[in-house]
N, C-alpha and C. Protein backbone atom coordinates (compact mmCIF):
# COMPACT_ATOMS: atom_id res chain seq x y z
N MET A 1 0.81 -1.30 -0.06
CA MET A 1 -0.19 -0.06 0.02
C MET A 1 0.67 1.38 -0.09
N SER A 2 0.49 2.26 -0.73
CA SER A 2 1.33 3.60 -1.03
C SER A 2 0.94 4.16 0.00
N MET A 3 1.84 5.27 0.53
CA MET A 3 2.04 5.96 1.64
C MET A 3 0.88 7.24 1.15
N ILE A 4 0.01 7.37 2.11
CA ILE A 4 -1.22 8.42 1.84
C ILE A 4 -0.82 9.85 2.01
N SER A 5 -0.70 10.73 1.25
CA SER A 5 -0.37 11.84 1.21
C SER A 5 -1.52 13.09 1.25
N PHE A 6 -1.78 14.18 1.91
CA PHE A 6 -2.70 14.90 1.66
C PHE A 6 -2.14 16.37 1.64
N SER A 7 -2.84 17.39 0.87
CA SER A 7 -2.27 18.63 0.91
C SER A 7 -2.85 19.28 2.34
N GLN A 8 -2.60 20.47 2.25
CA GLN A 8 -2.88 21.12 3.82
C GLN A 8 -4.56 21.70 3.40
N GLU A 9 -4.89 22.19 2.15
CA GLU A 9 -6.23 22.36 2.25
C GLU A 9 -7.23 21.21 2.02
N ALA A 10 -7.01 20.03 2.01
CA ALA A 10 -7.83 18.98 1.76
C ALA A 10 -8.68 18.95 3.04
N THR A 11 -9.99 18.65 2.82
CA THR A 11 -10.83 18.62 4.04
C THR A 11 -10.79 17.22 4.53
N ARG A 12 -11.40 16.99 5.69
CA ARG A 12 -11.58 15.94 6.36
C ARG A 12 -12.45 14.69 5.65
N THR A 13 -13.42 15.47 5.04
CA THR A 13 -14.09 14.53 4.30
C THR A 13 -13.51 14.03 2.99
N GLN A 14 -12.82 14.68 2.37
CA GLN A 14 -11.86 14.22 1.34
C GLN A 14 -10.76 13.31 1.86
N MET A 15 -10.24 13.71 2.86
CA MET A 15 -9.13 12.76 3.30
C MET A 15 -9.75 11.47 3.63
N LEU A 16 -11.04 11.01 3.96
CA LEU A 16 -11.71 10.20 4.56
C LEU A 16 -12.16 9.16 3.24
N ASP A 17 -12.36 10.20 2.29
CA ASP A 17 -12.95 9.48 1.07
C ASP A 17 -11.72 8.78 0.48
N GLU A 18 -10.47 9.85 0.20
CA GLU A 18 -9.69 9.05 -0.41
C GLU A 18 -8.81 7.90 0.71
N PHE A 19 -8.88 7.84 1.91
CA PHE A 19 -8.41 6.62 2.54
C PHE A 19 -9.30 5.59 2.26
N VAL A 20 -10.63 5.57 2.27
CA VAL A 20 -11.43 4.56 2.11
C VAL A 20 -11.16 3.90 0.70
N THR A 21 -10.98 4.75 -0.22
CA THR A 21 -10.73 4.27 -1.75
C THR A 21 -9.33 3.55 -1.73
N GLN A 22 -8.34 3.86 -1.11
CA GLN A 22 -7.34 3.18 -1.14
C GLN A 22 -7.17 1.98 -0.56
N LEU A 23 -7.98 1.81 0.84
CA LEU A 23 -8.19 0.63 1.46
C LEU A 23 -9.07 -0.18 0.37
N GLY A 24 -9.92 0.40 -0.33
CA GLY A 24 -10.56 -0.62 -1.02
C GLY A 24 -9.97 -1.26 -2.24
N ALA A 25 -8.93 -0.61 -2.77
CA ALA A 25 -8.31 -0.76 -3.67
C ALA A 25 -7.44 -2.14 -3.32
N GLN A 26 -7.11 -2.26 -1.87
CA GLN A 26 -6.65 -3.35 -1.65
C GLN A 26 -7.16 -4.37 -0.79
N PHE A 27 -8.02 -3.75 -0.39
CA PHE A 27 -8.87 -5.13 0.61
C PHE A 27 -10.42 -5.08 0.20
N ALA A 28 -11.08 -6.25 0.28
CA ALA A 28 -12.46 -6.02 0.24
C ALA A 28 -13.13 -5.25 1.44
N ILE A 29 -13.61 -3.93 1.55
CA ILE A 29 -14.38 -3.52 2.36
C ILE A 29 -15.57 -2.95 2.19
N LYS A 30 -16.50 -2.54 3.23
CA LYS A 30 -17.91 -1.88 2.92
C LYS A 30 -18.09 -0.95 3.84
N ASP A 31 -18.63 0.01 3.62
CA ASP A 31 -18.66 1.15 4.67
C ASP A 31 -20.06 0.86 5.04
N LEU A 32 -20.36 0.71 6.38
CA LEU A 32 -21.38 0.48 7.09
C LEU A 32 -21.87 1.64 7.73
N GLY A 33 -21.47 2.79 7.51
CA GLY A 33 -21.96 4.04 8.05
C GLY A 33 -21.28 4.35 9.27
N PRO A 34 -22.04 5.26 10.02
CA PRO A 34 -21.32 6.00 11.39
C PRO A 34 -21.47 4.93 12.32
N LEU A 35 -20.22 4.73 13.32
CA LEU A 35 -20.03 3.50 14.15
C LEU A 35 -21.10 3.85 15.48
N ASN A 36 -21.84 2.92 15.70
CA ASN A 36 -22.74 3.15 16.64
C ASN A 36 -22.60 1.72 18.07
N TYR A 37 -22.43 0.66 17.43
CA TYR A 37 -22.32 -0.54 18.28
C TYR A 37 -21.19 -1.55 17.61
N PHE A 38 -20.14 -2.08 18.20
CA PHE A 38 -19.18 -2.82 17.59
C PHE A 38 -18.49 -3.57 19.10
N LEU A 39 -18.73 -4.92 18.88
CA LEU A 39 -18.14 -5.71 19.55
C LEU A 39 -18.61 -5.46 21.18
N GLY A 40 -19.87 -5.32 21.16
CA GLY A 40 -20.45 -5.19 22.34
C GLY A 40 -20.27 -3.80 23.03
N ILE A 41 -19.82 -2.97 22.51
CA ILE A 41 -19.25 -1.69 22.68
C ILE A 41 -20.34 -0.87 22.16
N GLN A 42 -21.09 0.19 22.91
CA GLN A 42 -21.76 1.41 22.13
C GLN A 42 -20.92 2.67 22.00
N VAL A 43 -21.09 3.01 21.04
CA VAL A 43 -20.23 4.32 20.84
C VAL A 43 -21.16 5.59 20.58
N GLN A 44 -21.13 6.42 21.40
CA GLN A 44 -22.19 7.75 21.11
C GLN A 44 -21.17 8.84 21.21
N LYS A 45 -21.54 9.78 19.98
CA LYS A 45 -20.58 10.72 19.45
C LYS A 45 -21.03 12.03 20.15
N TYR A 46 -20.16 12.97 20.89
CA TYR A 46 -20.57 14.34 21.41
C TYR A 46 -20.04 15.09 20.72
N LYS A 47 -20.13 16.54 20.84
CA LYS A 47 -19.41 17.38 20.17
C LYS A 47 -17.92 17.50 20.88
N ASP A 48 -17.70 17.45 22.26
CA ASP A 48 -16.52 17.20 22.96
C ASP A 48 -15.66 15.87 22.53
N GLY A 49 -16.22 14.77 22.16
CA GLY A 49 -15.55 13.58 22.12
C GLY A 49 -16.68 12.33 21.79
N ILE A 50 -16.36 11.11 22.26
CA ILE A 50 -16.79 9.80 22.08
C ILE A 50 -17.29 9.35 23.59
N PHE A 51 -18.50 8.70 23.66
CA PHE A 51 -18.45 8.18 25.17
C PHE A 51 -18.80 6.49 24.60
N LEU A 52 -17.90 5.68 25.38
CA LEU A 52 -18.00 4.20 25.00
C LEU A 52 -18.74 3.33 26.39
N SER A 53 -19.62 2.55 26.01
CA SER A 53 -20.55 2.01 27.01
C SER A 53 -20.96 0.66 26.35
N GLN A 54 -21.12 -0.19 27.77
CA GLN A 54 -21.27 -1.47 27.50
C GLN A 54 -22.67 -2.01 28.01
N SER A 55 -23.47 -0.78 28.03
CA SER A 55 -25.11 -1.11 29.01
C SER A 55 -25.74 -2.15 28.28
N LYS A 56 -25.66 -2.26 26.99
CA LYS A 56 -26.62 -3.05 26.42
C LYS A 56 -26.04 -4.55 26.67
N TYR A 57 -24.76 -4.83 26.47
CA TYR A 57 -24.19 -6.02 26.54
C TYR A 57 -24.20 -6.45 28.12
N ILE A 58 -23.86 -5.71 28.98
CA ILE A 58 -24.41 -5.97 30.41
C ILE A 58 -25.86 -6.42 30.93
N THR A 59 -26.75 -5.39 30.19
CA THR A 59 -28.28 -6.11 30.43
C THR A 59 -28.69 -7.34 29.70
N ASP A 60 -27.94 -7.66 28.41
CA ASP A 60 -28.13 -9.19 27.95
C ASP A 60 -27.63 -9.96 28.83
N LEU A 61 -26.23 -9.75 29.46
CA LEU A 61 -25.97 -10.62 30.10
C LEU A 61 -26.89 -11.00 31.56
N LEU A 62 -27.41 -9.92 32.07
CA LEU A 62 -28.42 -10.06 33.18
C LEU A 62 -29.53 -10.79 32.89
N HIS A 63 -29.94 -10.88 31.47
CA HIS A 63 -31.05 -11.46 31.12
C HIS A 63 -31.06 -13.07 30.82
N ASN A 64 -29.66 -13.23 30.26
CA ASN A 64 -29.12 -14.68 30.04
C ASN A 64 -28.85 -15.37 31.24
N THR A 65 -28.65 -14.62 32.44
CA THR A 65 -28.34 -15.46 33.78
C THR A 65 -29.39 -15.13 34.55
N ASN A 66 -30.85 -14.98 34.12
CA ASN A 66 -31.82 -14.56 35.11
C ASN A 66 -31.54 -13.89 36.28
N MET A 67 -30.92 -12.77 35.89
CA MET A 67 -30.38 -11.98 37.16
C MET A 67 -31.18 -10.47 36.99
N ALA A 68 -31.85 -10.28 35.71
CA ALA A 68 -31.97 -8.91 35.51
C ALA A 68 -32.95 -8.45 36.71
N ASP A 69 -33.51 -8.96 37.71
CA ASP A 69 -34.71 -8.45 38.39
C ASP A 69 -33.93 -8.22 39.83
N CYS A 70 -32.57 -8.58 40.13
CA CYS A 70 -31.77 -8.77 41.27
C CYS A 70 -31.65 -7.18 41.69
N LYS A 71 -31.43 -7.30 42.93
CA LYS A 71 -31.12 -5.79 43.56
C LYS A 71 -30.02 -5.23 43.36
N PRO A 72 -29.57 -4.14 42.94
CA PRO A 72 -28.25 -3.76 42.74
C PRO A 72 -27.68 -3.52 44.06
N VAL A 73 -26.27 -3.33 44.11
CA VAL A 73 -25.29 -3.14 45.32
C VAL A 73 -24.41 -2.10 45.01
N SER A 74 -24.22 -1.08 46.32
CA SER A 74 -23.08 -0.41 45.87
C SER A 74 -21.64 -0.53 45.69
N THR A 75 -21.56 -1.83 46.29
CA THR A 75 -19.98 -2.18 46.28
C THR A 75 -20.19 -3.70 45.19
N PRO A 76 -19.00 -3.73 44.51
CA PRO A 76 -19.23 -4.81 43.55
C PRO A 76 -18.60 -6.18 44.41
N MET A 77 -18.40 -6.18 45.32
CA MET A 77 -18.01 -7.37 46.46
C MET A 77 -18.04 -7.17 47.86
N SER A 78 -18.22 -8.19 48.70
CA SER A 78 -18.39 -7.92 49.87
C SER A 78 -17.19 -7.95 50.64
N ILE A 79 -17.07 -7.41 51.93
CA ILE A 79 -15.67 -7.06 52.39
C ILE A 79 -15.38 -8.84 52.98
N LYS A 80 -16.29 -9.57 53.37
CA LYS A 80 -16.00 -10.88 53.90
C LYS A 80 -16.83 -11.83 52.97
N PRO A 81 -16.03 -12.40 52.24
CA PRO A 81 -16.75 -13.44 51.25
C PRO A 81 -17.41 -14.55 51.77
N THR A 82 -18.80 -14.89 51.47
CA THR A 82 -19.19 -15.89 52.08
C THR A 82 -19.22 -17.27 51.48
N THR A 83 -18.60 -17.19 50.16
CA THR A 83 -18.80 -18.61 49.55
C THR A 83 -17.68 -19.33 49.76
N SER A 84 -18.01 -20.48 50.16
CA SER A 84 -17.17 -21.67 50.46
C SER A 84 -17.20 -22.73 49.77
N VAL A 85 -16.27 -23.10 49.01
CA VAL A 85 -16.43 -24.42 48.25
C VAL A 85 -16.54 -25.84 48.95
N VAL A 86 -16.39 -25.92 50.03
CA VAL A 86 -16.61 -27.06 50.79
C VAL A 86 -17.92 -27.27 51.16
N GLY A 87 -18.65 -28.55 50.48
CA GLY A 87 -20.01 -28.96 50.40
C GLY A 87 -20.88 -28.16 49.89
N ALA A 88 -20.57 -27.07 48.98
CA ALA A 88 -21.42 -26.33 47.97
C ALA A 88 -21.59 -27.33 46.89
N ALA A 89 -22.68 -27.01 46.31
CA ALA A 89 -23.13 -27.82 45.10
C ALA A 89 -22.48 -27.11 44.03
N LEU A 90 -21.91 -28.13 42.95
CA LEU A 90 -21.12 -27.59 41.68
C LEU A 90 -22.17 -27.32 40.63
N TYR A 91 -21.52 -26.16 40.27
CA TYR A 91 -22.44 -25.62 39.07
C TYR A 91 -22.98 -26.40 38.24
N PRO A 92 -24.12 -26.68 37.56
CA PRO A 92 -24.28 -27.70 36.70
C PRO A 92 -24.08 -27.72 35.45
N ASP A 93 -23.66 -26.62 34.80
CA ASP A 93 -23.06 -26.51 33.51
C ASP A 93 -21.69 -25.82 33.29
N VAL A 94 -20.49 -26.52 33.23
CA VAL A 94 -18.97 -25.78 33.69
C VAL A 94 -18.99 -24.79 32.32
N THR A 95 -19.41 -25.00 31.14
CA THR A 95 -19.44 -24.68 29.96
C THR A 95 -19.99 -22.87 29.84
N HIS A 96 -21.22 -23.24 30.33
CA HIS A 96 -21.95 -21.85 30.72
C HIS A 96 -21.42 -20.99 31.53
N TYR A 97 -20.74 -21.65 32.82
CA TYR A 97 -20.05 -20.74 33.83
C TYR A 97 -18.91 -19.85 33.40
N ARG A 98 -18.16 -20.61 32.40
CA ARG A 98 -17.23 -20.36 31.75
C ARG A 98 -17.44 -19.02 30.89
N GLN A 99 -18.56 -19.41 30.12
CA GLN A 99 -18.89 -17.96 29.22
C GLN A 99 -19.11 -16.82 30.04
N ILE A 100 -20.09 -17.15 31.10
CA ILE A 100 -20.34 -15.78 32.03
C ILE A 100 -19.06 -15.30 32.36
N VAL A 101 -18.20 -16.19 33.05
CA VAL A 101 -17.04 -15.59 33.42
C VAL A 101 -16.00 -14.97 32.28
N GLY A 102 -16.07 -15.30 30.97
CA GLY A 102 -15.53 -14.56 30.03
C GLY A 102 -16.28 -13.30 29.50
N THR A 103 -17.56 -13.22 29.61
CA THR A 103 -18.24 -12.07 29.26
C THR A 103 -18.06 -11.20 30.58
N LEU A 104 -18.18 -11.09 31.72
CA LEU A 104 -17.71 -10.29 32.99
C LEU A 104 -16.35 -9.97 32.79
N GLN A 105 -15.31 -10.87 32.42
CA GLN A 105 -14.08 -10.55 32.28
C GLN A 105 -14.19 -9.16 31.02
N TYR A 106 -14.69 -9.30 29.98
CA TYR A 106 -14.92 -8.52 28.90
C TYR A 106 -15.62 -7.26 29.26
N ILE A 107 -16.32 -7.17 30.04
CA ILE A 107 -16.92 -6.04 30.51
C ILE A 107 -16.08 -5.05 31.43
N THR A 108 -15.04 -5.57 32.07
CA THR A 108 -14.18 -4.69 32.69
C THR A 108 -13.41 -3.90 31.87
N LEU A 109 -13.35 -4.02 30.77
CA LEU A 109 -12.71 -3.14 29.76
C LEU A 109 -13.20 -1.85 29.63
N THR A 110 -14.52 -1.64 30.09
CA THR A 110 -14.95 -0.32 30.19
C THR A 110 -15.57 -0.05 31.53
N ARG A 111 -15.36 -1.11 32.59
CA ARG A 111 -15.59 -0.79 34.18
C ARG A 111 -14.52 -1.46 34.59
N PRO A 112 -13.57 -0.68 34.71
CA PRO A 112 -12.18 -1.05 35.38
C PRO A 112 -12.60 -1.44 37.14
N ASP A 113 -13.34 -0.74 37.75
CA ASP A 113 -13.87 -0.47 39.06
C ASP A 113 -14.55 -1.82 39.54
N ILE A 114 -14.81 -2.69 38.48
CA ILE A 114 -15.25 -4.30 38.95
C ILE A 114 -14.19 -4.87 38.65
N ALA A 115 -13.29 -4.69 37.98
CA ALA A 115 -12.26 -5.70 37.51
C ALA A 115 -11.41 -6.53 38.78
N PHE A 116 -11.25 -6.21 39.88
CA PHE A 116 -10.89 -7.00 41.13
C PHE A 116 -11.73 -7.92 41.45
N ALA A 117 -12.95 -7.36 41.62
CA ALA A 117 -14.13 -8.35 42.27
C ALA A 117 -14.49 -9.36 41.05
N VAL A 118 -14.40 -8.86 39.89
CA VAL A 118 -14.55 -10.13 38.72
C VAL A 118 -13.35 -11.21 38.84
N ASN A 119 -12.26 -10.95 38.84
CA ASN A 119 -11.34 -11.51 38.94
C ASN A 119 -11.00 -12.68 39.79
N VAL A 120 -11.19 -11.92 41.22
CA VAL A 120 -11.14 -12.65 42.30
C VAL A 120 -12.14 -13.79 42.51
N ASN A 121 -13.33 -13.48 42.26
CA ASN A 121 -14.60 -14.08 42.63
C ASN A 121 -14.46 -15.48 41.29
N THR A 122 -14.34 -15.17 40.36
CA THR A 122 -14.34 -15.66 39.20
C THR A 122 -13.10 -17.17 38.96
N CYS A 123 -12.04 -16.37 38.74
CA CYS A 123 -11.23 -17.14 38.77
C CYS A 123 -10.83 -18.17 39.73
N ARG A 124 -10.90 -17.90 40.89
CA ARG A 124 -10.77 -19.12 41.95
C ARG A 124 -11.74 -20.18 42.00
N LEU A 125 -12.83 -19.84 41.17
CA LEU A 125 -14.04 -21.11 41.03
C LEU A 125 -13.78 -21.72 39.60
N GLN A 126 -12.82 -21.16 38.82
CA GLN A 126 -12.74 -21.56 37.55
C GLN A 126 -12.72 -23.24 37.22
N LEU A 127 -12.00 -24.00 38.24
CA LEU A 127 -11.76 -25.40 37.78
C LEU A 127 -13.12 -25.96 38.48
N MET A 128 -13.62 -25.51 39.40
CA MET A 128 -14.79 -26.03 40.15
C MET A 128 -15.91 -25.29 40.52
N PRO A 129 -16.66 -24.60 39.46
CA PRO A 129 -17.59 -23.61 39.83
C PRO A 129 -18.78 -24.26 40.62
N ILE A 130 -19.16 -23.50 41.75
CA ILE A 130 -20.35 -23.79 42.73
C ILE A 130 -21.74 -22.95 42.32
N SER A 131 -22.41 -23.43 42.72
CA SER A 131 -23.64 -22.80 42.40
C SER A 131 -24.07 -21.56 43.21
């Protein structure tokens, strides 16, 4: 691919059109319009910048795990964990549990405030998940 160069007077639209044209010459591409939702991340454009959110992704997770009606808490993790693996019933579907864990870890990309709670509580139970 050749180096893309633009004159000082080129507008942003012209630059974008030229860039897309040159990409199209090298790759099979399709313009899908303005970015709104990609890989579980919602993109909202504002005058000052953009806002990234995973609220739809999180809502879908809550519905898929039958937790949409649960009460919210102010902290993502209790100070004294009450979960004990001794005598606890194993989670019936280990694959489903691991999908939930992966989804939670992906959510931490935009929610670093819950990263510690997600990783401490899920990773220690990864081999033997309990209900």
